[in-house]
Amino acid sequence: MGATWPDVVPLGRPFLIREPVWRWGLGLALIDSDRTAVIAVLLSLLIEGFAVLVVIRLLKLTRNWRRRRQRR
């Protein structure tokens, strides 16, 4: 597979690229524009933020469960 970016990469000739290692998220699509990159970053931040909220909630549930268990 070849790709050229004449204004960005100063090589002046096509070069080989490889497919993404992980086939999740955007799948096999390459991030080839600013818009796609911004969307990918925002989506990943949203997913990671949700994961942090889940972990915090699980910690609170575990703490409450331990307190109730110690009272008995």
Protein backbone atom coordinates (compact mmCIF):
# COMPACT_ATOMS: atom_id res chain seq x y z
CA MET A 1 0.00 0.00 0.00
CA GLY A 2 1.45 3.40 -0.85
CA ALA A 3 0.67 6.92 0.29
CA THR A 4 1.98 10.33 -0.71
CA TRP A 5 1.87 13.64 1.11
CA PRO A 6 3.79 15.99 -1.17
CA ASP A 7 3.40 19.08 1.04
CA VAL A 8 3.97 17.38 4.38
CA VAL A 9 6.58 14.64 3.93
CA PRO A 10 9.80 15.93 2.36
CA LEU A 11 10.74 12.62 0.77
CA GLY A 12 9.32 13.53 -2.61
CA ARG A 13 8.34 9.97 -3.40
CA PRO A 14 5.73 7.40 -2.26
CA PHE A 15 6.55 5.21 0.73
CA LEU A 16 5.08 2.06 2.20
CA ILE A 17 2.72 2.09 5.14
CA ARG A 18 1.24 -0.81 7.06
CA GLU A 19 -2.28 -1.43 8.21
CA PRO A 20 -3.22 -0.58 11.82
CA VAL A 21 -2.22 -3.18 14.41
CA TRP A 22 -5.55 -3.12 16.21
CA ARG A 23 -8.74 -3.51 14.19
CA TRP A 24 -11.04 -1.65 16.58
CA GLY A 25 -12.28 1.88 16.75
CA LEU A 26 -11.94 3.13 13.21
CA GLY A 27 -11.16 -0.35 11.94
CA LEU A 28 -8.79 -0.34 9.02
CA ALA A 29 -9.30 3.35 8.31
CA LEU A 30 -6.24 5.55 8.56
CA ILE A 31 -6.55 8.90 10.28
CA ASP A 32 -5.88 11.08 7.27
CA SER A 33 -7.48 14.39 8.19
CA ASP A 34 -7.69 16.79 11.11
CA ARG A 35 -11.43 16.21 11.42
CA THR A 36 -11.01 12.43 11.73
CA ALA A 37 -8.20 12.90 14.26
CA VAL A 38 -10.27 15.25 16.43
CA ILE A 39 -13.24 12.88 16.34
CA ALA A 40 -11.01 9.92 17.27
CA VAL A 41 -9.45 11.81 20.19
CA LEU A 42 -12.80 13.03 21.52
CA LEU A 43 -14.31 9.57 21.23
CA SER A 44 -11.39 7.99 23.05
CA LEU A 45 -11.57 10.62 25.82
CA LEU A 46 -15.28 9.93 26.20
CA ILE A 47 -14.69 6.19 26.49
CA GLU A 48 -11.83 6.62 28.96
CA GLY A 49 -13.83 9.10 31.03
CA PHE A 50 -16.67 6.59 31.25
CA ALA A 51 -14.19 3.89 32.33
CA VAL A 52 -12.87 6.16 35.09
CA LEU A 53 -16.41 6.79 36.34
CA VAL A 54 -17.08 3.04 36.39
CA VAL A 55 -13.91 2.40 38.40
CA ILE A 56 -14.79 5.15 40.89
CA ARG A 57 -18.28 3.72 41.30
CA LEU A 58 -16.92 0.22 41.85
CA LEU A 59 -14.50 1.52 44.48
CA LYS A 60 -17.32 3.25 46.34
CA LEU A 61 -19.49 0.14 46.21
CA THR A 62 -16.61 -1.99 47.50
CA ARG A 63 -15.90 0.45 50.32
CA ASN A 64 -19.56 0.48 51.39
CA TRP A 65 -19.73 -3.31 51.20
CA ARG A 66 -16.62 -3.67 53.41
CA ARG A 67 -18.02 -1.23 56.00
CA ARG A 68 -21.30 -3.13 56.21
CA ARG A 69 -19.44 -6.40 56.53
CA GLN A 70 -17.23 -5.10 59.35
CA ARG A 71 -20.26 -3.84 61.32
CA ARG A 72 -21.73 -7.34 61.44
